[in-house]
Amino acid sequence: MTSTALSRIRTILFFTNILQTLGCVICIIAFILTTTHPSSPTNHSPFPFSVQILSLAIYLAIPISSVALSFSQDPTEGSLLLSQVLSAVAIGIGVVPIIAIFQGYTDPTLGLLFTSGYLTNIPSFLFRTVPQTHIGQRKKRAVPVGVRGNLDGIQIEMQLNKKAKFILYLVFFGILASFILLRIAISSPSLIIWFPFVIIASVCIIGLTVHLQGRKSGWQPMGLDTYENKTMWWYTARGSLASVLLKDPHLELQDNLVKITLVKGGLPTNLRFHSQADLDRFLTITGMGKSTNNHLA
């Protein structure tokens, strides 16, 4: 991958490791405070202290291992993948110490503190998908960095919209959260009062994560790489390689603006060319210009 993309990946991993480590520290602090907090019938877990310690230790081992696997300057592909998987596992396992430690607590202060540390696993998991996406695209392209294909770096602008990614993440984690929250509600009804906070915090974290992943909404400069086997490749302004499969695209031309949809009537991907010559060359190489009768409006 390009030096710009590599630098960005290292920055993302560094930030993610700090975030996930901070989450672990917050959880530890919250647990320590429960041991020094005056015990009362309304703030006392029914589980033995040994169970609380064991559940916390098992949970913390997962995000700590995730950080350790991606801590080196140049982690291997396998380490990055396992680190991402462990971050996902931490999202599921993290509810166990919450139940074991805070079941029976009516004062939500320490529980909310612990939960805030636990929720750092959500953006950590999402951030860890970025390196895997870069690696996957680079392997799929299967050419050395710097080698351009038949589109030879045609400069365009692509209109990006982050709403679709936000909705995708929201649906994915919404389904996951519904199972987790249902399990918590059944086993610990007293924890239901925390659910609105968890939901609001999770939505805010997902929104912030989508924002920090880069690629601002609006028109962004891109450099077209190649069109092979009905797949269009391009480089973003950050040096990242991206692609889209165009099996049977539907096109609409408006001067130097091209609207491409994968399904008729679907949301278009808008490309804006700087000159008619670049547009004509793009249509010729991709063969999309021959589909005028069927797909061009």
Protein backbone atom coordinates (compact mmCIF):
# COMPACT_ATOMS: atom_id res chain seq x y z
CA MET A 1 0.00 0.00 0.00
CA THR A 2 1.07 3.61 -0.41
CA SER A 3 3.13 5.37 2.27
CA THR A 4 0.21 7.72 2.94
CA ALA A 5 -2.18 4.82 3.54
CA LEU A 6 0.40 2.98 5.68
CA SER A 7 0.93 6.07 7.82
CA ARG A 8 -2.83 6.44 8.27
CA ILE A 9 -3.20 2.79 9.30
CA ARG A 10 -0.46 3.15 11.91
CA THR A 11 -2.17 6.27 13.28
CA ILE A 12 -5.52 4.46 13.46
CA LEU A 13 -3.98 1.47 15.24
CA PHE A 14 -2.16 3.72 17.71
CA PHE A 15 -5.35 5.62 18.51
CA THR A 16 -7.36 2.38 18.75
CA ASN A 17 -4.86 0.76 21.12
CA ILE A 18 -4.93 3.82 23.39
CA LEU A 19 -8.73 3.90 23.34
CA GLN A 20 -9.10 0.20 24.18
CA THR A 21 -6.42 0.38 26.90
CA LEU A 22 -8.18 3.39 28.41
CA GLY A 23 -11.42 1.41 28.43
CA CYS A 24 -9.72 -1.39 30.40
CA VAL A 25 -8.30 1.11 32.90
CA ILE A 26 -11.74 2.66 33.41
CA CYS A 27 -13.25 -0.78 34.07
CA ILE A 28 -10.54 -1.58 36.60
CA ILE A 29 -11.05 1.74 38.38
CA ALA A 30 -14.82 1.20 38.51
CA PHE A 31 -14.32 -2.27 40.00
CA ILE A 32 -11.82 -1.03 42.61
CA LEU A 33 -14.31 1.63 43.66
CA THR A 34 -16.94 -1.06 44.24
CA THR A 35 -14.61 -2.71 46.76
CA THR A 36 -14.11 0.58 48.65
CA HIS A 37 -17.73 1.71 48.28
CA PRO A 38 -19.80 1.19 51.46
CA SER A 39 -21.86 -1.96 51.02
CA SER A 40 -25.61 -1.78 51.44
CA PRO A 41 -28.61 -3.95 50.54
CA THR A 42 -29.26 -1.67 47.52
CA ASN A 43 -25.64 -1.65 46.33
CA HIS A 44 -24.44 -5.21 46.72
CA SER A 45 -23.88 -7.92 44.13
CA PRO A 46 -25.39 -11.33 44.90
CA PHE A 47 -22.37 -13.02 43.31
CA PRO A 48 -19.30 -13.97 45.42
CA PHE A 49 -16.26 -11.73 45.16
CA SER A 50 -14.29 -14.55 43.52
CA VAL A 51 -16.87 -14.75 40.70
CA GLN A 52 -16.65 -11.01 40.18
CA ILE A 53 -12.85 -11.15 39.99
CA LEU A 54 -12.91 -14.13 37.60
CA SER A 55 -15.45 -12.55 35.24
CA LEU A 56 -13.51 -9.28 35.18
CA ALA A 57 -10.18 -11.04 34.57
CA ILE A 58 -11.57 -13.12 31.69
CA TYR A 59 -13.10 -10.05 30.10
CA LEU A 60 -10.01 -7.82 30.48
CA ALA A 61 -7.77 -10.53 28.98
CA ILE A 62 -9.64 -10.19 25.67
CA PRO A 63 -9.21 -6.44 24.88
CA ILE A 64 -5.70 -6.49 26.37
CA SER A 65 -4.78 -9.33 24.01
CA SER A 66 -6.34 -7.38 21.14
CA VAL A 67 -4.10 -4.42 21.94
CA ALA A 68 -1.00 -6.61 22.35
CA LEU A 69 -1.50 -8.22 18.92
CA SER A 70 -1.53 -4.86 17.13
CA PHE A 71 0.97 -3.01 19.30
CA SER A 72 4.07 -3.55 17.16
CA GLN A 73 5.14 -1.10 14.46
CA ASP A 74 4.33 -3.54 11.66
CA PRO A 75 1.94 -6.25 12.89
CA THR A 76 1.26 -9.21 10.63
CA GLU A 77 -1.98 -9.66 8.74
CA GLY A 78 -2.91 -12.58 10.99
CA SER A 79 -2.31 -10.51 14.13
CA LEU A 80 -4.51 -7.70 12.85
CA LEU A 81 -7.31 -10.11 11.98
CA LEU A 82 -7.15 -11.84 15.36
CA SER A 83 -7.04 -8.44 17.08
CA GLN A 84 -10.23 -7.44 15.29
CA VAL A 85 -11.94 -10.72 16.19
CA LEU A 86 -11.00 -10.31 19.86
CA SER A 87 -12.46 -6.79 19.88
CA ALA A 88 -15.74 -8.24 18.62
CA VAL A 89 -15.62 -10.98 21.27
CA ALA A 90 -15.01 -8.34 23.95
CA ILE A 91 -18.28 -6.64 22.97
CA GLY A 92 -20.18 -9.84 23.74
CA ILE A 93 -18.19 -11.02 26.78
CA GLY A 94 -18.14 -7.59 28.41
CA VAL A 95 -21.72 -7.90 29.63
CA VAL A 96 -20.73 -10.81 31.91
CA PRO A 97 -18.72 -8.75 34.46
CA ILE A 98 -21.37 -6.01 34.28
CA ILE A 99 -23.96 -8.52 35.45
CA ALA A 100 -21.64 -10.24 37.95
CA ILE A 101 -20.43 -7.03 39.57
CA PHE A 102 -23.35 -4.63 39.35
CA GLN A 103 -26.44 -6.81 39.55
CA GLY A 104 -28.43 -5.54 42.53
CA TYR A 105 -26.99 -2.01 42.38
CA THR A 106 -29.64 0.71 42.36
CA ASP A 107 -27.07 3.51 42.26
CA PRO A 108 -25.96 3.53 38.60
CA THR A 109 -22.84 5.69 39.06
CA LEU A 110 -20.19 2.98 39.18
CA GLY A 111 -22.08 0.81 36.72
CA LEU A 112 -22.18 3.64 34.20
CA LEU A 113 -18.46 4.26 34.72
CA PHE A 114 -17.70 0.61 34.02
CA THR A 115 -20.06 0.58 31.02
CA SER A 116 -18.32 3.62 29.52
CA GLY A 117 -15.05 1.66 29.57
CA TYR A 118 -16.75 -1.39 28.10
CA LEU A 119 -18.29 0.65 25.25
CA THR A 120 -14.83 1.58 23.94
CA ASN A 121 -14.80 -1.89 22.37
CA ILE A 122 -17.38 -0.76 19.80
CA PRO A 123 -15.27 1.97 18.12
CA SER A 124 -12.17 -0.19 18.61
CA PHE A 125 -13.76 -2.97 16.59
CA LEU A 126 -14.87 -0.56 13.86
CA PHE A 127 -11.45 1.10 13.66
CA ARG A 128 -9.77 -2.29 13.37
CA THR A 129 -11.79 -3.00 10.23
CA VAL A 130 -9.89 -0.21 8.42
CA PRO A 131 -6.50 -2.01 8.16
CA GLN A 132 -8.24 -5.23 7.15
CA THR A 133 -10.07 -3.39 4.37
CA HIS A 134 -6.81 -1.92 3.08
CA ILE A 135 -5.05 -5.28 3.15
CA GLY A 136 -7.97 -7.05 1.48
CA GLN A 137 -8.15 -4.52 -1.35
CA ARG A 138 -4.39 -4.60 -1.91
CA LYS A 139 -4.34 -8.41 -2.11
CA LYS A 140 -7.33 -8.45 -4.43
CA ARG A 141 -5.69 -5.92 -6.78
CA ALA A 142 -2.56 -8.13 -6.86
CA VAL A 143 -0.15 -5.61 -8.39
CA PRO A 144 2.81 -3.72 -6.87
CA VAL A 145 2.13 -0.34 -5.29
CA GLY A 146 2.49 2.45 -7.84
CA VAL A 147 1.55 0.33 -10.85
CA ARG A 148 -1.49 1.86 -12.52
CA GLY A 149 -3.96 0.11 -14.73
CA ASN A 150 -5.77 1.13 -17.91
CA LEU A 151 -7.45 4.19 -16.37
CA ASP A 152 -3.96 5.53 -15.59
CA GLY A 153 -4.88 7.85 -12.72
CA ILE A 154 -7.68 9.87 -14.33
CA GLN A 155 -8.50 12.54 -11.77
CA ILE A 156 -12.16 12.78 -10.79
CA GLU A 157 -14.33 13.84 -7.89
CA MET A 158 -16.61 11.33 -6.19
CA GLN A 159 -19.58 12.33 -4.06
CA LEU A 160 -19.52 10.49 -0.75
CA ASN A 161 -22.29 10.11 1.80
CA LYS A 162 -21.58 8.71 5.26
CA LYS A 163 -25.24 8.25 6.14
CA ALA A 164 -25.30 4.81 4.51
CA LYS A 165 -22.29 3.60 6.55
CA PHE A 166 -23.79 5.03 9.75
CA ILE A 167 -27.11 3.24 9.12
CA LEU A 168 -25.26 -0.02 8.31
CA TYR A 169 -23.29 0.09 11.56
CA LEU A 170 -26.40 1.10 13.48
CA VAL A 171 -28.40 -1.85 12.15
CA PHE A 172 -25.56 -4.34 12.71
CA PHE A 173 -24.86 -3.30 16.29
CA GLY A 174 -28.56 -2.73 16.95
CA ILE A 175 -29.27 -6.40 16.23
CA LEU A 176 -26.29 -7.47 18.37
CA ALA A 177 -27.29 -5.12 21.21
CA SER A 178 -30.89 -6.34 21.20
CA PHE A 179 -29.75 -9.89 22.06
CA ILE A 180 -27.30 -8.67 24.71
CA LEU A 181 -29.73 -6.25 26.37
CA LEU A 182 -32.48 -8.86 26.35
CA ARG A 183 -30.17 -11.30 28.14
CA ILE A 184 -29.25 -8.64 30.70
CA ALA A 185 -32.90 -7.67 31.22
CA ILE A 186 -33.86 -11.29 31.91
CA SER A 187 -31.00 -12.01 34.31
CA SER A 188 -30.77 -8.57 35.96
CA PRO A 189 -33.99 -6.52 35.76
CA SER A 190 -32.47 -3.80 37.96
CA LEU A 191 -30.02 -2.95 35.17
CA ILE A 192 -32.80 -1.93 32.78
CA ILE A 193 -32.66 1.65 34.10
CA TRP A 194 -29.23 1.94 32.43
CA PHE A 195 -30.42 0.92 28.98
CA PRO A 196 -31.29 4.44 27.69
CA PHE A 197 -27.78 5.63 28.56
CA VAL A 198 -26.18 2.64 26.87
CA ILE A 199 -28.28 3.12 23.71
CA ILE A 200 -27.59 6.86 23.47
CA ALA A 201 -23.89 6.41 24.19
CA SER A 202 -23.61 3.60 21.61
CA VAL A 203 -25.27 5.70 18.89
CA CYS A 204 -22.96 8.62 19.66
CA ILE A 205 -19.90 6.37 19.61
CA ILE A 206 -20.88 4.82 16.26
CA GLY A 207 -21.50 8.27 14.78
CA LEU A 208 -18.14 9.54 16.05
CA THR A 209 -16.40 6.44 14.73
CA VAL A 210 -17.88 6.86 11.25
CA HIS A 211 -16.72 10.47 11.29
CA LEU A 212 -13.18 9.62 12.40
CA GLN A 213 -12.78 6.83 9.85
CA GLY A 214 -12.06 9.51 7.27
CA ARG A 215 -13.52 10.26 3.84
CA LYS A 216 -15.63 13.34 4.51
CA SER A 217 -19.08 13.64 3.01
CA GLY A 218 -19.38 15.65 -0.19
CA TRP A 219 -17.19 15.80 -3.27
CA GLN A 220 -13.76 14.23 -2.73
CA PRO A 221 -10.83 13.95 -5.16
CA MET A 222 -10.05 10.45 -6.44
CA GLY A 223 -7.61 8.94 -8.91
CA LEU A 224 -8.99 6.14 -11.10
CA ASP A 225 -6.67 3.14 -11.29
CA THR A 226 -8.09 0.48 -13.57
CA TYR A 227 -11.22 -1.28 -14.83
CA GLU A 228 -10.81 -5.04 -15.06
CA ASN A 229 -13.28 -7.92 -14.92
CA LYS A 230 -16.14 -5.45 -14.40
CA THR A 231 -14.42 -4.05 -11.30
CA MET A 232 -13.48 -0.37 -11.07
CA TRP A 233 -10.50 0.51 -8.88
CA TRP A 234 -9.47 3.93 -7.60
CA TYR A 235 -7.24 5.66 -5.06
CA THR A 236 -8.64 8.06 -2.49
CA ALA A 237 -6.95 11.31 -1.54
CA ARG A 238 -5.51 9.48 1.49
CA GLY A 239 -3.82 6.91 -0.76
CA SER A 240 -6.24 4.10 0.05
CA LEU A 241 -7.20 1.62 -2.67
CA ALA A 242 -10.93 1.02 -3.15
CA SER A 243 -13.07 -0.86 -5.65
CA VAL A 244 -16.62 -1.61 -6.71
CA LEU A 245 -18.02 -4.44 -8.80
CA LEU A 246 -20.06 -3.12 -11.75
CA LYS A 247 -21.78 -6.19 -13.17
CA ASP A 248 -24.58 -4.42 -15.01
CA PRO A 249 -24.39 -0.72 -14.14
CA HIS A 250 -27.04 1.83 -15.04
CA LEU A 251 -25.64 5.18 -16.10
CA GLU A 252 -27.00 8.68 -16.34
CA LEU A 253 -24.91 11.43 -17.93
CA GLN A 254 -25.25 15.13 -17.14
CA ASP A 255 -22.44 17.06 -18.85
CA ASN A 256 -19.27 15.82 -17.08
CA LEU A 257 -21.25 14.19 -14.26
CA VAL A 258 -21.76 10.42 -14.30
CA LYS A 259 -24.33 8.75 -12.05
CA ILE A 260 -23.75 5.01 -11.69
CA THR A 261 -26.26 2.73 -10.00
CA LEU A 262 -25.80 -1.00 -9.46
CA VAL A 263 -29.55 -1.60 -9.44
CA LYS A 264 -32.03 0.36 -11.53
CA GLY A 265 -33.72 2.89 -9.28
CA GLY A 266 -31.08 2.52 -6.56
CA LEU A 267 -28.93 5.19 -4.96
CA PRO A 268 -26.33 6.44 -7.47
CA THR A 269 -22.58 6.85 -7.11
CA ASN A 270 -21.77 10.26 -8.59
CA LEU A 271 -18.51 10.82 -10.47
CA ARG A 272 -17.53 14.26 -11.75
CA PHE A 273 -14.87 14.43 -14.47
CA HIS A 274 -12.68 17.47 -15.05
CA SER A 275 -12.90 17.32 -18.83
CA GLN A 276 -14.95 15.77 -21.62
CA ALA A 277 -11.82 14.01 -22.85
CA ASP A 278 -11.39 12.22 -19.50
CA LEU A 279 -15.06 11.23 -19.52
CA ASP A 280 -14.89 9.88 -23.07
CA ARG A 281 -11.77 7.90 -22.23
CA PHE A 282 -13.46 6.45 -19.12
CA LEU A 283 -16.54 5.39 -21.10
CA THR A 284 -14.40 3.84 -23.84
CA ILE A 285 -12.15 1.84 -21.53
CA THR A 286 -14.96 0.58 -19.33
CA GLY A 287 -17.22 -0.12 -22.29
CA MET A 288 -20.06 1.69 -20.57
CA GLY A 289 -20.42 4.07 -23.48
CA LYS A 290 -21.64 1.14 -25.62
CA SER A 291 -24.61 0.64 -23.28
CA THR A 292 -26.27 3.88 -24.30
CA ASN A 293 -29.54 2.31 -25.45
CA ASN A 294 -29.99 0.19 -22.33
CA HIS A 295 -28.50 2.12 -19.45
CA LEU A 296 -27.74 5.73 -20.39
CA ALA A 297 -30.38 8.31 -19.73
